Structure formats: structure tokens, C-alpha cells
């Protein structure tokens, strides 16, 4: 199953996450994200989580790694289930998170 779709709009890149981003899928997702970022001059990153069902600590590490690299990083269209995980580890205090 595909976990990631990439869309670009000028200096903004959006990563649409699908299904589960966990210890099995996170390394591949991270590689795809880093490859995409290395291929452009992006100043803004959006993680679209409308179709994300679950994220583990491995997935959270990927998000934080990108936030450290590009300050203007936000997470949008977050379901209640995923928001609970993000809130549990204080992600909304570190970057903008918008619920679905």
C-alpha cells in the first residue's frame, strides 16, 4: 500500500500520508520525503493527514526531523485518532496542527 503522495506548489511541498506510518513504513516514507526535499528549494512543508489512520513514534520522528530542517512545517487535516497521538507527545506545541 502507498503511504505517501507528494504535491508541490512553488516553494511549498505537501506530503499526503496514507494508512499507517509505523516502524515498518516510516523508513521508506522518510527516504521519499528527504529525496523530494533534496530535489527542490522548499521553504514550507505541509503534512496532509486526512487519510492517515495511525502514526507511531517512528512516524513522529520523521515529522520532527523535517520540522528541524524546515521551520515552516505544519500538519493539516488531522483525524481525532491521530490528533490524540500528536497531542500526547506535545506536537501541537512544536508546530501548527489543524484538525480535520
N, C-alpha and C. Protein backbone atom coordinates (compact mmCIF):
# COMPACT_ATOMS: atom_id res chain seq x y z
N UNK A 1 0.84 -1.19 0.00
CA UNK A 1 0.00 0.00 0.00
C UNK A 1 0.88 1.25 0.00
N UNK A 2 0.45 2.26 -0.72
CA UNK A 2 1.17 3.52 -0.78
C UNK A 2 0.91 4.32 0.50
N UNK A 3 1.99 4.82 1.12
CA UNK A 3 1.85 5.61 2.34
C UNK A 3 2.04 7.09 2.09
N UNK A 4 2.50 7.47 0.87
CA UNK A 4 2.88 8.85 0.63
C UNK A 4 2.57 9.29 -0.79
N UNK A 5 2.03 10.49 -0.91
CA UNK A 5 1.86 11.15 -2.21
C UNK A 5 2.43 12.56 -2.04
N UNK A 6 3.12 13.05 -3.06
CA UNK A 6 3.80 14.33 -2.97
C UNK A 6 3.20 15.31 -3.96
N UNK A 7 2.92 16.53 -3.49
CA UNK A 7 2.41 17.61 -4.33
C UNK A 7 3.26 18.84 -4.09
N UNK A 8 3.54 19.59 -5.15
CA UNK A 8 4.32 20.81 -4.99
C UNK A 8 3.54 22.00 -5.51
N UNK A 9 3.82 23.15 -4.90
CA UNK A 9 3.20 24.40 -5.32
C UNK A 9 4.20 25.51 -5.01
N UNK A 10 5.02 25.86 -5.98
CA UNK A 10 6.06 26.87 -5.76
C UNK A 10 7.07 26.38 -4.74
N UNK A 11 7.25 27.15 -3.67
CA UNK A 11 8.21 26.79 -2.62
C UNK A 11 7.59 25.93 -1.53
N UNK A 12 6.33 25.52 -1.72
CA UNK A 12 5.66 24.67 -0.73
C UNK A 12 5.55 23.25 -1.27
N UNK A 13 5.83 22.30 -0.40
CA UNK A 13 5.68 20.89 -0.75
C UNK A 13 4.74 20.25 0.25
N UNK A 14 3.80 19.48 -0.26
CA UNK A 14 2.83 18.79 0.58
C UNK A 14 3.04 17.30 0.48
N UNK A 15 3.10 16.67 1.64
CA UNK A 15 3.22 15.22 1.73
C UNK A 15 1.89 14.69 2.26
N UNK A 16 1.15 13.98 1.41
CA UNK A 16 -0.11 13.37 1.82
C UNK A 16 0.22 11.97 2.35
N UNK A 17 -0.09 11.77 3.61
CA UNK A 17 0.20 10.48 4.25
C UNK A 17 -1.05 9.60 4.23
N UNK A 18 -0.83 8.31 3.99
CA UNK A 18 -1.92 7.34 3.88
C UNK A 18 -1.69 6.16 4.82
N UNK A 19 -2.78 5.57 5.29
CA UNK A 19 -2.68 4.33 6.05
C UNK A 19 -1.94 4.48 7.36
N UNK A 20 -0.92 3.64 7.55
CA UNK A 20 -0.13 3.64 8.77
C UNK A 20 1.30 4.07 8.49
N UNK A 21 1.81 4.98 9.31
CA UNK A 21 3.23 5.31 9.27
C UNK A 21 3.79 4.82 10.60
N UNK A 22 4.41 3.66 10.53
CA UNK A 22 4.91 2.99 11.73
C UNK A 22 6.34 2.51 11.51
N UNK A 23 6.83 1.66 12.39
CA UNK A 23 8.23 1.23 12.30
C UNK A 23 8.53 0.48 11.00
N UNK A 24 7.52 -0.11 10.39
CA UNK A 24 7.72 -0.82 9.12
C UNK A 24 7.78 0.14 7.94
N UNK A 25 6.90 1.13 7.93
CA UNK A 25 6.79 2.01 6.77
C UNK A 25 7.56 3.32 6.90
N UNK A 26 7.86 3.76 8.11
CA UNK A 26 8.49 5.07 8.32
C UNK A 26 9.84 5.23 7.60
N UNK A 27 10.72 4.23 7.59
CA UNK A 27 11.99 4.42 6.88
C UNK A 27 11.80 4.73 5.39
N UNK A 28 10.89 4.06 4.73
CA UNK A 28 10.63 4.32 3.31
C UNK A 28 10.00 5.68 3.10
N UNK A 29 9.07 6.05 3.98
CA UNK A 29 8.43 7.37 3.90
C UNK A 29 9.48 8.46 4.10
N UNK A 30 10.34 8.28 5.09
CA UNK A 30 11.39 9.26 5.35
C UNK A 30 12.31 9.42 4.14
N UNK A 31 12.70 8.32 3.53
CA UNK A 31 13.58 8.38 2.37
C UNK A 31 12.92 9.14 1.22
N UNK A 32 11.65 8.85 0.96
CA UNK A 32 10.92 9.55 -0.11
C UNK A 32 10.82 11.05 0.18
N UNK A 33 10.55 11.39 1.42
CA UNK A 33 10.43 12.80 1.81
C UNK A 33 11.77 13.50 1.63
N UNK A 34 12.83 12.91 2.14
CA UNK A 34 14.15 13.54 2.03
C UNK A 34 14.60 13.65 0.58
N UNK A 35 14.33 12.64 -0.22
CA UNK A 35 14.66 12.70 -1.65
C UNK A 35 13.92 13.86 -2.31
N UNK A 36 12.64 14.04 -1.98
CA UNK A 36 11.84 15.12 -2.56
C UNK A 36 12.37 16.48 -2.11
N UNK A 37 12.71 16.60 -0.83
CA UNK A 37 13.22 17.87 -0.32
C UNK A 37 14.57 18.22 -0.94
N UNK A 38 15.40 17.21 -1.15
CA UNK A 38 16.71 17.44 -1.76
C UNK A 38 16.59 17.84 -3.22
N UNK A 39 15.45 17.56 -3.82
CA UNK A 39 15.26 17.86 -5.24
C UNK A 39 14.68 19.24 -5.50
N UNK A 40 14.49 20.04 -4.46
CA UNK A 40 13.88 21.36 -4.66
C UNK A 40 14.30 22.35 -3.60
N UNK A 41 13.89 23.59 -3.79
CA UNK A 41 14.21 24.68 -2.87
C UNK A 41 12.94 25.06 -2.10
N UNK A 42 12.53 24.19 -1.19
CA UNK A 42 11.27 24.37 -0.48
C UNK A 42 11.48 25.12 0.83
N UNK A 43 10.57 26.06 1.11
CA UNK A 43 10.62 26.83 2.36
C UNK A 43 9.44 26.52 3.26
N UNK A 44 8.49 25.72 2.76
CA UNK A 44 7.30 25.38 3.52
C UNK A 44 6.93 23.92 3.26
N UNK A 45 6.62 23.21 4.35
CA UNK A 45 6.22 21.80 4.27
C UNK A 45 4.86 21.63 4.93
N UNK A 46 3.98 20.89 4.25
CA UNK A 46 2.67 20.56 4.79
C UNK A 46 2.54 19.04 4.80
N UNK A 47 2.14 18.51 5.94
CA UNK A 47 1.80 17.09 6.03
C UNK A 47 0.28 17.01 6.06
N UNK A 48 -0.31 16.46 4.99
CA UNK A 48 -1.75 16.28 4.89
C UNK A 48 -2.07 14.89 5.44
N UNK A 49 -2.79 14.87 6.55
CA UNK A 49 -3.04 13.60 7.25
C UNK A 49 -4.49 13.13 7.16
N UNK A 50 -5.21 13.64 6.18
CA UNK A 50 -6.63 13.28 6.04
C UNK A 50 -6.82 11.77 5.92
N UNK A 51 -5.91 11.08 5.25
CA UNK A 51 -6.04 9.63 5.04
C UNK A 51 -5.08 8.82 5.90
N UNK A 52 -4.48 9.46 6.89
CA UNK A 52 -3.58 8.76 7.81
C UNK A 52 -4.41 8.12 8.91
N UNK A 53 -4.26 6.81 9.07
CA UNK A 53 -5.04 6.08 10.07
C UNK A 53 -4.30 5.94 11.40
N UNK A 54 -2.96 5.86 11.32
CA UNK A 54 -2.16 5.61 12.52
C UNK A 54 -0.75 6.12 12.31
N UNK A 55 -0.16 6.68 13.36
CA UNK A 55 1.25 7.07 13.31
C UNK A 55 1.91 6.64 14.61
N UNK A 56 3.06 5.99 14.49
CA UNK A 56 3.80 5.51 15.66
C UNK A 56 4.92 6.49 15.98
N UNK A 57 5.71 6.16 16.99
CA UNK A 57 6.85 7.01 17.35
C UNK A 57 7.84 7.12 16.19
N UNK A 58 7.97 6.08 15.39
CA UNK A 58 8.87 6.13 14.23
C UNK A 58 8.37 7.17 13.22
N UNK A 59 7.07 7.24 13.03
CA UNK A 59 6.49 8.25 12.15
C UNK A 59 6.63 9.65 12.72
N UNK A 60 6.46 9.78 14.03
CA UNK A 60 6.63 11.08 14.68
C UNK A 60 8.06 11.58 14.54
N UNK A 61 9.02 10.68 14.59
CA UNK A 61 10.43 11.07 14.40
C UNK A 61 10.64 11.67 13.01
N UNK A 62 9.99 11.09 12.01
CA UNK A 62 10.11 11.63 10.65
C UNK A 62 9.58 13.06 10.61
N UNK A 63 8.40 13.29 11.20
CA UNK A 63 7.82 14.64 11.21
C UNK A 63 8.75 15.63 11.89
N UNK A 64 9.32 15.24 13.03
CA UNK A 64 10.19 16.13 13.79
C UNK A 64 11.50 16.40 13.04
N UNK A 65 12.00 15.41 12.36
CA UNK A 65 13.23 15.59 11.57
C UNK A 65 13.01 16.66 10.48
N UNK A 66 11.85 16.62 9.86
CA UNK A 66 11.54 17.59 8.81
C UNK A 66 11.32 18.97 9.43
N UNK A 67 10.67 19.04 10.58
CA UNK A 67 10.45 20.31 11.28
C UNK A 67 11.79 20.97 11.63
N UNK A 68 12.76 20.17 12.04
CA UNK A 68 14.08 20.71 12.35
C UNK A 68 14.76 21.27 11.11
N UNK A 69 14.49 20.66 9.98
CA UNK A 69 15.12 21.07 8.72
C UNK A 69 14.44 22.29 8.11
N UNK A 70 13.11 22.33 8.16
CA UNK A 70 12.34 23.43 7.57
C UNK A 70 11.36 23.93 8.64
N UNK A 71 11.65 25.13 9.13
CA UNK A 71 10.88 25.68 10.25
C UNK A 71 9.39 25.80 9.95
N UNK A 72 9.05 26.19 8.71
CA UNK A 72 7.64 26.36 8.34
C UNK A 72 7.06 25.01 7.93
N UNK A 73 6.81 24.19 8.94
CA UNK A 73 6.22 22.86 8.73
C UNK A 73 4.94 22.78 9.54
N UNK A 74 3.87 22.32 8.89
CA UNK A 74 2.61 22.17 9.61
C UNK A 74 1.93 20.86 9.22
N UNK A 75 1.02 20.44 10.06
CA UNK A 75 0.27 19.21 9.86
C UNK A 75 -1.20 19.60 9.74
N UNK A 76 -1.86 19.17 8.65
CA UNK A 76 -3.25 19.56 8.42
C UNK A 76 -4.15 18.34 8.22
N UNK A 77 -5.45 18.59 8.36
CA UNK A 77 -6.49 17.57 8.14
C UNK A 77 -6.26 16.34 9.01
N UNK A 78 -6.00 16.58 10.29
CA UNK A 78 -5.69 15.50 11.22
C UNK A 78 -6.98 14.94 11.81
N UNK A 79 -7.13 13.63 11.75
CA UNK A 79 -8.29 12.97 12.35
C UNK A 79 -8.15 13.01 13.87
N UNK A 80 -9.24 12.79 14.55
CA UNK A 80 -9.24 12.81 16.02
C UNK A 80 -8.29 11.76 16.60
N UNK A 81 -8.28 10.57 16.00
CA UNK A 81 -7.42 9.49 16.49
C UNK A 81 -5.94 9.87 16.37
N UNK A 82 -5.56 10.41 15.22
CA UNK A 82 -4.16 10.80 15.01
C UNK A 82 -3.83 12.01 15.89
N UNK A 83 -4.79 12.94 16.04
CA UNK A 83 -4.54 14.11 16.88
C UNK A 83 -4.22 13.70 18.32
N UNK A 84 -4.93 12.71 18.82
CA UNK A 84 -4.67 12.24 20.19
C UNK A 84 -3.22 11.81 20.36
N UNK A 85 -2.66 11.13 19.37
CA UNK A 85 -1.26 10.70 19.43
C UNK A 85 -0.34 11.92 19.38
N UNK A 86 -0.61 12.85 18.46
CA UNK A 86 0.21 14.05 18.34
C UNK A 86 0.17 14.87 19.63
N UNK A 87 -1.03 15.00 20.19
CA UNK A 87 -1.21 15.78 21.42
C UNK A 87 -0.51 15.12 22.61
N UNK A 88 -0.52 13.82 22.64
CA UNK A 88 0.11 13.07 23.73
C UNK A 88 1.59 13.40 23.87
N UNK A 89 2.25 13.65 22.73
CA UNK A 89 3.69 13.95 22.75
C UNK A 89 3.95 15.43 22.47
N UNK A 90 2.93 16.27 22.62
CA UNK A 90 3.05 17.74 22.55
C UNK A 90 3.46 18.28 21.18
N UNK A 91 3.16 17.57 20.12
CA UNK A 91 3.47 18.07 18.77
C UNK A 91 2.77 19.41 18.50
N UNK A 92 1.49 19.60 18.94
CA UNK A 92 0.85 20.89 18.68
C UNK A 92 1.56 22.09 19.33
N UNK A 93 2.39 21.85 20.30
CA UNK A 93 3.17 22.93 20.93
C UNK A 93 4.42 23.25 20.13
N UNK A 94 4.81 22.34 19.23
CA UNK A 94 6.05 22.49 18.46
C UNK A 94 5.78 23.01 17.06
N UNK A 95 4.66 22.57 16.47
CA UNK A 95 4.31 23.02 15.13
C UNK A 95 2.79 23.13 15.01
N UNK A 96 2.35 23.85 13.99
CA UNK A 96 0.93 24.04 13.76
C UNK A 96 0.27 22.72 13.37
N UNK A 97 -0.84 22.41 14.04
CA UNK A 97 -1.61 21.21 13.73
C UNK A 97 -3.07 21.64 13.56
N UNK A 98 -3.66 21.28 12.42
CA UNK A 98 -5.06 21.60 12.13
C UNK A 98 -5.87 20.32 12.04
N UNK A 99 -6.92 20.25 12.84
CA UNK A 99 -7.80 19.08 12.81
C UNK A 99 -8.65 19.08 11.54
N UNK A 100 -9.10 17.89 11.19
CA UNK A 100 -9.97 17.69 10.02
C UNK A 100 -11.34 18.31 10.29
